[in-house]
């Protein structure tokens, strides 16, 4: 017998829902497990292959401040999926956060961000862009109290940061390492 969820109860319903699931395991053991539920998300690493740079964002993150005293995190544009297609959500997030109009997206994966606690699956993409694709200022949405700083960074610097353990956002690290595997020539000199 596979584990089954016998029922759930909502303990909070806001931006995210928090549930407690009553689970019966294969051996008959009964457990309670907390679940955070807010739907799917998207993330994209925009990079300019000609100039060998990438656009990342930095913004206040209350959980990082609470857990580690870190007020902001450097990360790729990302957010919850409002659209029916993940590619459209990634394009929207990139424009809102960086002012960048993205065309073709290269899928990386759709993965669980924190399968031990969250229902979130995140679609990850790489996206090449040109300097002329930056048509807005970015910075996020005032209506969502976003205060985003956009950073255009050399890919070689990002690679060095990842090698030193300084890229602390996991979606950003996965996308950066994927780009390094798929396009290593972008990280060499010249």
N, C-alpha and C. Protein backbone atom coordinates (compact mmCIF):
# COMPACT_ATOMS: atom_id res chain seq x y z
N UNK A 1 0.84 -1.18 0.00
CA UNK A 1 0.00 0.00 0.00
C UNK A 1 0.89 1.25 0.00
N UNK A 2 0.58 2.17 -0.86
CA UNK A 2 1.31 3.43 -0.93
C UNK A 2 0.76 4.38 0.14
N UNK A 3 1.54 5.37 0.56
CA UNK A 3 1.02 6.36 1.50
C UNK A 3 -0.22 7.05 0.91
N UNK A 4 -1.16 7.41 1.78
CA UNK A 4 -2.34 8.15 1.33
C UNK A 4 -2.60 9.32 2.27
N UNK A 5 -3.17 10.38 1.71
CA UNK A 5 -3.59 11.52 2.51
C UNK A 5 -5.06 11.31 2.83
N UNK A 6 -5.36 11.16 4.11
CA UNK A 6 -6.73 10.92 4.56
C UNK A 6 -7.54 12.21 4.61
N UNK A 7 -6.88 13.31 4.76
CA UNK A 7 -7.58 14.59 4.82
C UNK A 7 -6.61 15.72 5.10
N UNK A 8 -7.09 16.94 4.90
CA UNK A 8 -6.29 18.13 5.20
C UNK A 8 -7.16 19.15 5.90
N UNK A 9 -6.50 20.01 6.64
CA UNK A 9 -7.19 21.16 7.22
C UNK A 9 -6.33 22.39 6.99
N UNK A 10 -6.97 23.48 6.63
CA UNK A 10 -6.28 24.74 6.36
C UNK A 10 -6.03 25.45 7.69
N UNK A 11 -4.78 25.85 7.93
CA UNK A 11 -4.46 26.59 9.15
C UNK A 11 -4.17 28.06 8.85
N UNK A 12 -3.97 28.40 7.58
CA UNK A 12 -3.81 29.80 7.14
C UNK A 12 -4.12 29.87 5.67
N UNK A 13 -4.84 30.91 5.27
CA UNK A 13 -5.16 31.11 3.85
C UNK A 13 -4.93 32.57 3.51
N UNK A 14 -3.76 32.86 2.94
CA UNK A 14 -3.39 34.21 2.53
C UNK A 14 -2.69 34.14 1.18
N UNK A 15 -1.54 34.81 1.09
CA UNK A 15 -0.76 34.74 -0.15
C UNK A 15 -0.42 33.28 -0.43
N UNK A 16 -0.12 32.55 0.61
CA UNK A 16 0.05 31.10 0.55
C UNK A 16 -0.99 30.47 1.46
N UNK A 17 -1.30 29.23 1.17
CA UNK A 17 -2.15 28.46 2.09
C UNK A 17 -1.23 27.50 2.84
N UNK A 18 -1.53 27.35 4.12
CA UNK A 18 -0.80 26.38 4.93
C UNK A 18 -1.80 25.35 5.42
N UNK A 19 -1.48 24.09 5.18
CA UNK A 19 -2.37 22.99 5.50
C UNK A 19 -1.65 22.01 6.41
N UNK A 20 -2.44 21.23 7.13
CA UNK A 20 -1.91 20.08 7.84
C UNK A 20 -2.59 18.87 7.20
N UNK A 21 -1.78 17.96 6.69
CA UNK A 21 -2.28 16.74 6.05
C UNK A 21 -2.19 15.59 7.02
N UNK A 22 -3.25 14.82 7.09
CA UNK A 22 -3.26 13.58 7.88
C UNK A 22 -2.91 12.45 6.92
N UNK A 23 -1.75 11.82 7.13
CA UNK A 23 -1.20 10.84 6.21
C UNK A 23 -1.15 9.46 6.87
N UNK A 24 -1.51 8.46 6.09
CA UNK A 24 -1.29 7.08 6.51
C UNK A 24 -0.20 6.51 5.63
N UNK A 25 0.89 6.07 6.27
CA UNK A 25 2.03 5.54 5.54
C UNK A 25 1.76 4.09 5.13
N UNK A 26 2.63 3.55 4.29
CA UNK A 26 2.46 2.18 3.76
C UNK A 26 2.36 1.14 4.87
N UNK A 27 3.07 1.39 5.98
CA UNK A 27 3.04 0.40 7.08
C UNK A 27 1.88 0.64 8.06
N UNK A 28 1.00 1.62 7.75
CA UNK A 28 -0.14 1.92 8.60
C UNK A 28 0.09 3.04 9.60
N UNK A 29 1.32 3.50 9.73
CA UNK A 29 1.63 4.60 10.64
C UNK A 29 0.88 5.86 10.20
N UNK A 30 0.31 6.56 11.18
CA UNK A 30 -0.41 7.81 10.89
C UNK A 30 0.47 8.99 11.29
N UNK A 31 0.58 9.95 10.39
CA UNK A 31 1.42 11.13 10.59
C UNK A 31 0.65 12.40 10.24
N UNK A 32 1.07 13.51 10.81
CA UNK A 32 0.60 14.83 10.39
C UNK A 32 1.78 15.53 9.72
N UNK A 33 1.53 16.12 8.55
CA UNK A 33 2.58 16.83 7.82
C UNK A 33 2.06 18.19 7.38
N UNK A 34 2.89 19.24 7.60
CA UNK A 34 2.53 20.59 7.17
C UNK A 34 2.85 20.75 5.69
N UNK A 35 1.99 21.50 5.00
CA UNK A 35 2.17 21.75 3.56
C UNK A 35 1.94 23.24 3.30
N UNK A 36 2.89 23.86 2.61
CA UNK A 36 2.73 25.25 2.13
C UNK A 36 2.32 25.14 0.67
N UNK A 37 1.25 25.85 0.28
CA UNK A 37 0.70 25.73 -1.06
C UNK A 37 0.43 27.10 -1.66
N UNK A 38 1.14 27.43 -2.73
CA UNK A 38 0.86 28.69 -3.43
C UNK A 38 0.93 28.54 -4.95
N UNK A 39 1.04 27.35 -5.45
CA UNK A 39 1.01 27.16 -6.90
C UNK A 39 2.39 27.14 -7.53
N UNK A 40 2.39 27.09 -8.86
CA UNK A 40 3.63 27.00 -9.62
C UNK A 40 4.33 28.33 -9.72
N UNK A 41 5.62 28.24 -10.02
CA UNK A 41 6.44 29.43 -10.17
C UNK A 41 7.35 29.26 -11.39
N UNK A 42 7.98 30.37 -11.77
CA UNK A 42 8.90 30.38 -12.90
C UNK A 42 10.15 31.16 -12.52
N UNK A 43 11.26 30.84 -13.20
CA UNK A 43 12.50 31.58 -13.03
C UNK A 43 13.27 31.52 -14.34
N UNK A 44 13.99 32.60 -14.64
CA UNK A 44 14.73 32.66 -15.90
C UNK A 44 16.06 33.36 -15.68
N UNK A 45 17.12 32.82 -16.30
CA UNK A 45 18.42 33.48 -16.31
C UNK A 45 18.61 34.13 -17.67
N UNK A 46 18.42 35.46 -17.76
CA UNK A 46 18.68 36.16 -19.01
C UNK A 46 20.18 36.44 -19.15
N UNK A 47 20.74 36.08 -20.32
CA UNK A 47 22.17 36.31 -20.55
C UNK A 47 22.37 36.83 -21.96
N UNK A 48 23.35 37.70 -22.10
CA UNK A 48 23.72 38.26 -23.40
C UNK A 48 24.98 37.54 -23.87
N UNK A 49 24.87 36.65 -24.87
CA UNK A 49 26.04 35.87 -25.29
C UNK A 49 27.11 36.72 -25.98
N UNK A 50 26.74 37.86 -26.54
CA UNK A 50 27.74 38.71 -27.21
C UNK A 50 28.57 39.49 -26.20
N UNK A 51 27.91 40.06 -25.22
CA UNK A 51 28.62 40.86 -24.21
C UNK A 51 29.05 40.02 -23.02
N UNK A 52 28.58 38.74 -22.96
CA UNK A 52 28.92 37.81 -21.88
C UNK A 52 28.57 38.35 -20.50
N UNK A 53 27.30 38.79 -20.41
CA UNK A 53 26.76 39.30 -19.15
C UNK A 53 25.42 38.64 -18.90
N UNK A 54 24.93 38.76 -17.67
CA UNK A 54 23.60 38.28 -17.30
C UNK A 54 22.92 39.35 -16.47
N UNK A 55 21.59 39.33 -16.48
CA UNK A 55 20.81 40.24 -15.66
C UNK A 55 20.27 39.49 -14.45
N UNK A 56 20.61 39.97 -13.28
CA UNK A 56 20.08 39.43 -12.04
C UNK A 56 19.41 40.55 -11.26
N UNK A 57 18.66 40.18 -10.25
CA UNK A 57 17.95 41.17 -9.46
C UNK A 57 18.29 40.97 -7.98
N UNK A 58 18.13 42.04 -7.24
CA UNK A 58 18.34 41.98 -5.79
C UNK A 58 17.16 42.68 -5.13
N UNK A 59 16.61 42.03 -4.11
CA UNK A 59 15.48 42.62 -3.42
C UNK A 59 15.40 42.10 -1.99
N UNK A 60 14.65 42.83 -1.17
CA UNK A 60 14.45 42.46 0.22
C UNK A 60 13.74 41.12 0.29
N UNK A 61 14.22 40.24 1.18
CA UNK A 61 13.61 38.93 1.42
C UNK A 61 13.47 38.74 2.93
N UNK A 62 12.25 38.87 3.43
CA UNK A 62 12.00 38.77 4.87
C UNK A 62 12.48 37.44 5.45
N UNK A 63 12.24 36.28 4.79
CA UNK A 63 12.73 35.04 5.38
C UNK A 63 14.26 35.00 5.53
N UNK A 64 14.98 35.56 4.56
CA UNK A 64 16.45 35.58 4.66
C UNK A 64 16.90 36.49 5.81
N UNK A 65 16.20 37.60 5.99
CA UNK A 65 16.51 38.48 7.11
C UNK A 65 16.23 37.78 8.43
N UNK A 66 15.09 37.12 8.53
CA UNK A 66 14.72 36.41 9.75
C UNK A 66 15.70 35.28 10.08
N UNK A 67 16.04 34.47 9.08
CA UNK A 67 16.85 33.28 9.33
C UNK A 67 18.34 33.57 9.46
N UNK A 68 18.84 34.56 8.71
CA UNK A 68 20.29 34.75 8.66
C UNK A 68 20.75 36.20 8.78
N UNK A 69 19.81 37.12 8.97
CA UNK A 69 20.20 38.53 9.07
C UNK A 69 20.61 39.13 7.74
N UNK A 70 20.25 38.46 6.65
CA UNK A 70 20.58 38.94 5.30
C UNK A 70 19.34 39.64 4.74
N UNK A 71 19.45 40.93 4.44
CA UNK A 71 18.27 41.69 4.04
C UNK A 71 17.87 41.48 2.58
N UNK A 72 18.83 41.16 1.70
CA UNK A 72 18.51 41.00 0.29
C UNK A 72 19.29 39.82 -0.28
N UNK A 73 18.78 39.32 -1.40
CA UNK A 73 19.39 38.17 -2.05
C UNK A 73 19.54 38.48 -3.53
N UNK A 74 20.69 38.12 -4.10
CA UNK A 74 20.92 38.24 -5.54
C UNK A 74 20.35 37.00 -6.20
N UNK A 75 19.46 37.20 -7.17
CA UNK A 75 18.79 36.06 -7.78
C UNK A 75 18.35 36.37 -9.20
N UNK A 76 17.92 35.34 -9.91
CA UNK A 76 17.37 35.50 -11.24
C UNK A 76 15.94 36.01 -11.12
N UNK A 77 15.42 36.66 -12.18
CA UNK A 77 14.01 37.06 -12.16
C UNK A 77 13.12 35.82 -11.98
N UNK A 78 12.15 35.93 -11.10
CA UNK A 78 11.29 34.78 -10.78
C UNK A 78 10.01 35.26 -10.14
N UNK A 79 9.02 34.37 -10.14
CA UNK A 79 7.77 34.69 -9.47
C UNK A 79 6.73 33.63 -9.70
N UNK A 80 5.58 33.86 -9.11
CA UNK A 80 4.48 32.92 -9.25
C UNK A 80 3.91 32.98 -10.66
N UNK A 81 3.44 31.85 -11.11
CA UNK A 81 2.87 31.72 -12.45
C UNK A 81 1.41 32.12 -12.42
N UNK A 82 1.07 33.20 -13.12
CA UNK A 82 -0.32 33.65 -13.26
C UNK A 82 -0.92 33.19 -14.58
N UNK A 83 -0.07 32.90 -15.55
CA UNK A 83 -0.48 32.55 -16.90
C UNK A 83 -0.69 31.05 -17.04
N UNK A 84 -1.24 30.64 -18.16
CA UNK A 84 -1.42 29.20 -18.40
C UNK A 84 -0.13 28.55 -18.88
N UNK A 85 0.77 29.32 -19.48
CA UNK A 85 2.03 28.79 -20.00
C UNK A 85 3.21 29.35 -19.20
N UNK A 86 4.08 28.48 -18.71
CA UNK A 86 5.23 28.94 -17.93
C UNK A 86 6.12 29.93 -18.70
N UNK A 87 6.26 29.73 -20.00
CA UNK A 87 7.11 30.64 -20.79
C UNK A 87 6.59 32.08 -20.71
N UNK A 88 5.28 32.24 -20.76
CA UNK A 88 4.71 33.60 -20.67
C UNK A 88 4.95 34.20 -19.29
N UNK A 89 4.85 33.38 -18.26
CA UNK A 89 5.14 33.86 -16.91
C UNK A 89 6.59 34.29 -16.76
N UNK A 90 7.50 33.53 -17.34
CA UNK A 90 8.93 33.88 -17.27
C UNK A 90 9.19 35.18 -18.01
N UNK A 91 8.56 35.35 -19.16
CA UNK A 91 8.72 36.61 -19.91
C UNK A 91 8.17 37.80 -19.12
N UNK A 92 6.99 37.61 -18.49
CA UNK A 92 6.39 38.69 -17.69
C UNK A 92 7.30 39.06 -16.53
N UNK A 93 7.77 38.06 -15.79
CA UNK A 93 8.64 38.33 -14.65
C UNK A 93 9.91 39.06 -15.08
N UNK A 94 10.52 38.60 -16.17
CA UNK A 94 11.74 39.25 -16.66
C UNK A 94 11.48 40.71 -17.01
N UNK A 95 10.34 41.00 -17.64
CA UNK A 95 10.04 42.38 -17.99
C UNK A 95 9.76 43.22 -16.75
N UNK A 96 8.92 42.72 -15.83
CA UNK A 96 8.60 43.48 -14.62
C UNK A 96 9.84 43.77 -13.79
N UNK A 97 10.71 42.78 -13.67
CA UNK A 97 11.85 42.91 -12.77
C UNK A 97 13.07 43.56 -13.40
N UNK A 98 13.29 43.34 -14.71
CA UNK A 98 14.51 43.85 -15.35
C UNK A 98 14.27 44.80 -16.52
N UNK A 99 13.03 44.91 -16.99
CA UNK A 99 12.74 45.72 -18.16
C UNK A 99 13.15 45.06 -19.46
N UNK A 100 13.36 43.77 -19.42
CA UNK A 100 13.88 43.01 -20.56
C UNK A 100 12.75 42.31 -21.31
N UNK A 101 12.74 42.47 -22.63
CA UNK A 101 11.81 41.75 -23.49
C UNK A 101 12.51 40.50 -23.98
N UNK A 102 12.01 39.34 -23.54
CA UNK A 102 12.63 38.06 -23.91
C UNK A 102 11.88 37.43 -25.07
N UNK A 103 12.63 36.77 -25.93
CA UNK A 103 12.05 36.01 -27.02
C UNK A 103 12.06 34.54 -26.69
N UNK A 104 12.92 33.79 -27.36
CA UNK A 104 13.00 32.35 -27.20
C UNK A 104 13.55 31.99 -25.82
N UNK A 105 12.88 31.05 -25.16
CA UNK A 105 13.33 30.55 -23.88
C UNK A 105 13.81 29.12 -24.05
N UNK A 106 14.89 28.78 -23.36
CA UNK A 106 15.43 27.43 -23.39
C UNK A 106 15.05 26.73 -22.07
N UNK A 107 14.17 25.74 -22.14
CA UNK A 107 13.77 25.06 -20.91
C UNK A 107 14.94 24.31 -20.27
N UNK A 108 14.98 24.34 -18.94
CA UNK A 108 15.97 23.61 -18.18
C UNK A 108 15.29 22.43 -17.47
N UNK A 109 14.29 22.74 -16.65
CA UNK A 109 13.54 21.69 -15.96
C UNK A 109 12.32 22.31 -15.31
N UNK A 110 11.43 21.46 -14.85
CA UNK A 110 10.37 21.84 -13.93
C UNK A 110 10.62 21.01 -12.69
N UNK A 111 11.03 21.66 -11.61
CA UNK A 111 11.44 20.93 -10.43
C UNK A 111 10.75 21.42 -9.17
N UNK A 112 10.83 20.59 -8.14
CA UNK A 112 10.29 20.94 -6.83
C UNK A 112 11.27 21.87 -6.13
N UNK A 113 10.80 22.99 -5.62
CA UNK A 113 11.71 23.90 -4.93
C UNK A 113 12.02 23.43 -3.51
N UNK A 114 11.03 22.93 -2.79
CA UNK A 114 11.22 22.42 -1.43
C UNK A 114 10.20 21.30 -1.19
N UNK A 115 10.42 20.10 -1.74
CA UNK A 115 9.41 19.05 -1.70
C UNK A 115 9.05 18.55 -0.30
N UNK A 116 9.85 18.86 0.68
CA UNK A 116 9.54 18.45 2.04
C UNK A 116 8.48 19.29 2.72
N UNK A 117 8.20 20.49 2.16
CA UNK A 117 7.24 21.38 2.81
C UNK A 117 6.29 22.06 1.83
N UNK A 118 6.70 22.24 0.56
CA UNK A 118 5.93 23.07 -0.37
C UNK A 118 5.44 22.29 -1.59
N UNK A 119 4.28 22.71 -2.10
CA UNK A 119 3.76 22.14 -3.34
C UNK A 119 4.36 22.81 -4.57
N UNK A 120 5.19 23.83 -4.37
CA UNK A 120 5.71 24.62 -5.49
C UNK A 120 6.57 23.79 -6.44
N UNK A 121 6.19 23.83 -7.71
CA UNK A 121 7.04 23.36 -8.79
C UNK A 121 7.46 24.60 -9.56
N UNK A 122 8.73 24.67 -9.93
CA UNK A 122 9.26 25.84 -10.59
C UNK A 122 9.80 25.47 -11.96
N UNK A 123 9.30 26.16 -12.99
CA UNK A 123 9.82 26.00 -14.35
C UNK A 123 11.02 26.91 -14.50
N UNK A 124 12.17 26.33 -14.86
CA UNK A 124 13.42 27.08 -15.00
C UNK A 124 13.79 27.20 -16.46
N UNK A 125 14.25 28.40 -16.84
CA UNK A 125 14.60 28.69 -18.23
C UNK A 125 15.91 29.47 -18.31
N UNK A 126 16.60 29.30 -19.43
CA UNK A 126 17.68 30.17 -19.86
C UNK A 126 17.13 31.01 -21.00
N UNK A 127 17.62 32.24 -21.16
CA UNK A 127 17.14 33.08 -22.26
C UNK A 127 18.24 34.03 -22.71
N UNK A 128 18.66 33.84 -23.95
CA UNK A 128 19.62 34.77 -24.55
C UNK A 128 18.90 36.07 -24.90
N UNK A 129 19.60 37.17 -24.73
CA UNK A 129 19.04 38.47 -25.11
C UNK A 129 20.15 39.34 -25.68
N UNK A 130 19.75 40.46 -26.28
CA UNK A 130 20.69 41.46 -26.78
C UNK A 130 20.45 42.76 -26.02
N UNK A 131 21.42 43.65 -26.06
CA UNK A 131 21.31 44.92 -25.34
C UNK A 131 20.05 45.68 -25.76
N UNK A 132 19.64 45.55 -27.02
CA UNK A 132 18.46 46.26 -27.51
C UNK A 132 17.15 45.70 -26.97
N UNK A 133 17.19 44.54 -26.32
CA UNK A 133 15.99 43.94 -25.74
C UNK A 133 15.63 44.55 -24.39
N UNK A 134 16.51 45.37 -23.86
CA UNK A 134 16.22 46.04 -22.57
C UNK A 134 15.44 47.30 -22.89
N UNK A 135 14.11 47.20 -22.82
CA UNK A 135 13.24 48.29 -23.26
C UNK A 135 12.56 49.02 -22.09
N UNK A 136 12.74 48.55 -20.88
CA UNK A 136 12.16 49.19 -19.71
C UNK A 136 13.18 49.30 -18.60
N UNK A 137 12.77 49.88 -17.48
CA UNK A 137 13.71 50.06 -16.36
C UNK A 137 13.69 48.89 -15.40
N UNK A 138 12.59 48.13 -15.38
CA UNK A 138 12.47 47.05 -14.41
C UNK A 138 12.22 47.61 -13.03
N UNK A 139 12.64 46.88 -12.03
CA UNK A 139 12.47 47.34 -10.66
C UNK A 139 11.28 46.75 -9.94
N UNK A 140 10.46 45.97 -10.65
CA UNK A 140 9.31 45.34 -10.01
C UNK A 140 8.07 46.20 -10.04
N UNK A 141 7.03 45.70 -9.40
CA UNK A 141 5.73 46.38 -9.38
C UNK A 141 5.54 47.11 -8.06
N UNK A 142 5.23 48.40 -8.15
CA UNK A 142 4.95 49.18 -6.95
C UNK A 142 3.73 48.63 -6.23
N UNK A 143 2.76 48.11 -6.98
CA UNK A 143 1.54 47.57 -6.37
C UNK A 143 1.82 46.35 -5.51
N UNK A 144 2.96 45.71 -5.71
CA UNK A 144 3.36 44.55 -4.90
C UNK A 144 4.47 44.91 -3.92
N UNK A 145 4.73 46.22 -3.77
CA UNK A 145 5.78 46.74 -2.88
C UNK A 145 7.14 46.15 -3.20
N UNK A 146 7.37 45.92 -4.49
CA UNK A 146 8.68 45.42 -4.92
C UNK A 146 9.62 46.61 -5.09
N UNK A 147 10.81 46.47 -4.61
CA UNK A 147 11.85 47.48 -4.75
C UNK A 147 13.09 46.73 -5.21
N UNK A 148 13.13 46.46 -6.50
CA UNK A 148 14.14 45.57 -7.07
C UNK A 148 15.26 46.38 -7.70
N UNK A 149 16.49 46.00 -7.39
CA UNK A 149 17.67 46.57 -8.03
C UNK A 149 18.14 45.58 -9.09
N UNK A 150 18.37 46.07 -10.30
CA UNK A 150 18.81 45.24 -11.42
C UNK A 150 20.33 45.31 -11.51
N UNK A 151 20.96 44.14 -11.65
CA UNK A 151 22.41 44.06 -11.79
C UNK A 151 22.75 43.36 -13.09
N UNK A 152 23.50 44.04 -13.95
CA UNK A 152 24.06 43.38 -15.13
C UNK A 152 25.48 43.00 -14.77
N UNK A 153 25.75 41.69 -14.79
CA UNK A 153 27.02 41.19 -14.28
C UNK A 153 27.73 40.33 -15.31
N UNK A 154 29.05 40.44 -15.40
CA UNK A 154 29.80 39.56 -16.30
C UNK A 154 29.63 38.09 -15.90
N UNK A 155 29.44 37.23 -16.88
CA UNK A 155 29.28 35.80 -16.61
C UNK A 155 30.49 35.23 -15.90
N UNK A 156 31.68 35.69 -16.25
CA UNK A 156 32.89 35.19 -15.59
C UNK A 156 32.87 35.52 -14.10
N UNK A 157 32.36 36.70 -13.75
CA UNK A 157 32.25 37.08 -12.33
C UNK A 157 31.24 36.19 -11.61
N UNK A 158 30.12 35.91 -12.28
CA UNK A 158 29.12 35.03 -11.67
C UNK A 158 29.66 33.62 -11.47
N UNK A 159 30.44 33.13 -12.44
CA UNK A 159 31.06 31.81 -12.30
C UNK A 159 32.00 31.80 -11.10
N UNK A 160 32.80 32.85 -10.96
CA UNK A 160 33.73 32.93 -9.82
C UNK A 160 32.96 33.00 -8.51
N UNK A 161 31.87 33.75 -8.49
CA UNK A 161 31.05 33.83 -7.28
C UNK A 161 30.49 32.45 -6.92
N UNK A 162 30.03 31.70 -7.93
CA UNK A 162 29.48 30.37 -7.64
C UNK A 162 30.58 29.44 -7.14
N UNK A 163 31.78 29.56 -7.70
CA UNK A 163 32.89 28.72 -7.26
C UNK A 163 33.28 29.01 -5.81
N UNK A 164 33.08 30.26 -5.37
CA UNK A 164 33.39 30.65 -3.99
C UNK A 164 32.22 30.41 -3.04
N UNK A 165 31.11 29.89 -3.55
CA UNK A 165 29.94 29.65 -2.71
C UNK A 165 29.15 30.90 -2.39
N UNK A 166 29.28 31.93 -3.21
CA UNK A 166 28.62 33.21 -2.95
C UNK A 166 27.27 33.36 -3.64
N UNK A 167 26.90 32.43 -4.51
CA UNK A 167 25.56 32.44 -5.10
C UNK A 167 24.71 31.56 -4.19
N UNK A 168 23.88 32.20 -3.37
CA UNK A 168 23.18 31.48 -2.31
C UNK A 168 21.73 31.15 -2.64
N UNK A 169 21.21 31.69 -3.71
CA UNK A 169 19.85 31.36 -4.14
C UNK A 169 19.94 30.13 -5.05
N UNK A 170 19.25 29.05 -4.68
CA UNK A 170 19.42 27.78 -5.38
C UNK A 170 18.92 27.79 -6.81
N UNK A 171 17.81 28.48 -7.10
CA UNK A 171 17.34 28.52 -8.49
C UNK A 171 18.36 29.24 -9.37
N UNK A 172 18.97 30.27 -8.82
CA UNK A 172 20.00 31.01 -9.55
C UNK A 172 21.22 30.13 -9.78
N UNK A 173 21.62 29.41 -8.76
CA UNK A 173 22.78 28.52 -8.88
C UNK A 173 22.53 27.43 -9.92
N UNK A 174 21.35 26.81 -9.89
CA UNK A 174 21.02 25.76 -10.87
C UNK A 174 21.09 26.32 -12.29
N UNK A 175 20.50 27.49 -12.49
CA UNK A 175 20.49 28.07 -13.84
C UNK A 175 21.90 28.49 -14.28
N UNK A 176 22.66 29.05 -13.38
CA UNK A 176 24.04 29.45 -13.72
C UNK A 176 24.89 28.22 -14.05
N UNK A 177 24.79 27.17 -13.25
CA UNK A 177 25.57 25.95 -13.53
C UNK A 177 25.11 25.29 -14.83
N UNK A 178 23.82 25.33 -15.11
CA UNK A 178 23.32 24.78 -16.38
C UNK A 178 23.89 25.55 -17.55
N UNK A 179 23.90 26.88 -17.46
CA UNK A 179 24.47 27.68 -18.55
C UNK A 179 25.96 27.38 -18.69
N UNK A 180 26.67 27.20 -17.60
CA UNK A 180 28.10 26.87 -17.67
C UNK A 180 28.32 25.53 -18.36
N UNK A 181 27.42 24.56 -18.12
CA UNK A 181 27.55 23.25 -18.78
C UNK A 181 27.20 23.32 -20.25
N UNK A 182 26.14 24.06 -20.57
CA UNK A 182 25.66 24.11 -21.96
C UNK A 182 26.46 25.06 -22.83
N UNK A 183 26.99 26.15 -22.24
CA UNK A 183 27.70 27.16 -23.02
C UNK A 183 28.99 27.58 -22.33
N UNK A 184 29.92 26.64 -22.13
CA UNK A 184 31.15 26.97 -21.38
C UNK A 184 31.97 28.08 -22.02
N UNK A 185 31.87 28.23 -23.32
CA UNK A 185 32.66 29.26 -24.00
C UNK A 185 32.29 30.67 -23.54
N UNK A 186 31.10 30.86 -22.98
CA UNK A 186 30.67 32.18 -22.53
C UNK A 186 31.40 32.61 -21.25
N UNK A 187 32.05 31.68 -20.58
CA UNK A 187 32.68 31.96 -19.30
C UNK A 187 34.20 32.07 -19.41
N UNK A 188 34.74 31.87 -20.59
CA UNK A 188 36.19 32.00 -20.77
C UNK A 188 36.52 33.45 -21.14
N UNK A 189 37.78 33.77 -21.14
CA UNK A 189 38.22 35.14 -21.47
C UNK A 189 37.86 35.52 -22.88
N UNK A 190 37.78 36.84 -23.13
CA UNK A 190 37.52 37.35 -24.47
C UNK A 190 36.09 37.44 -24.71
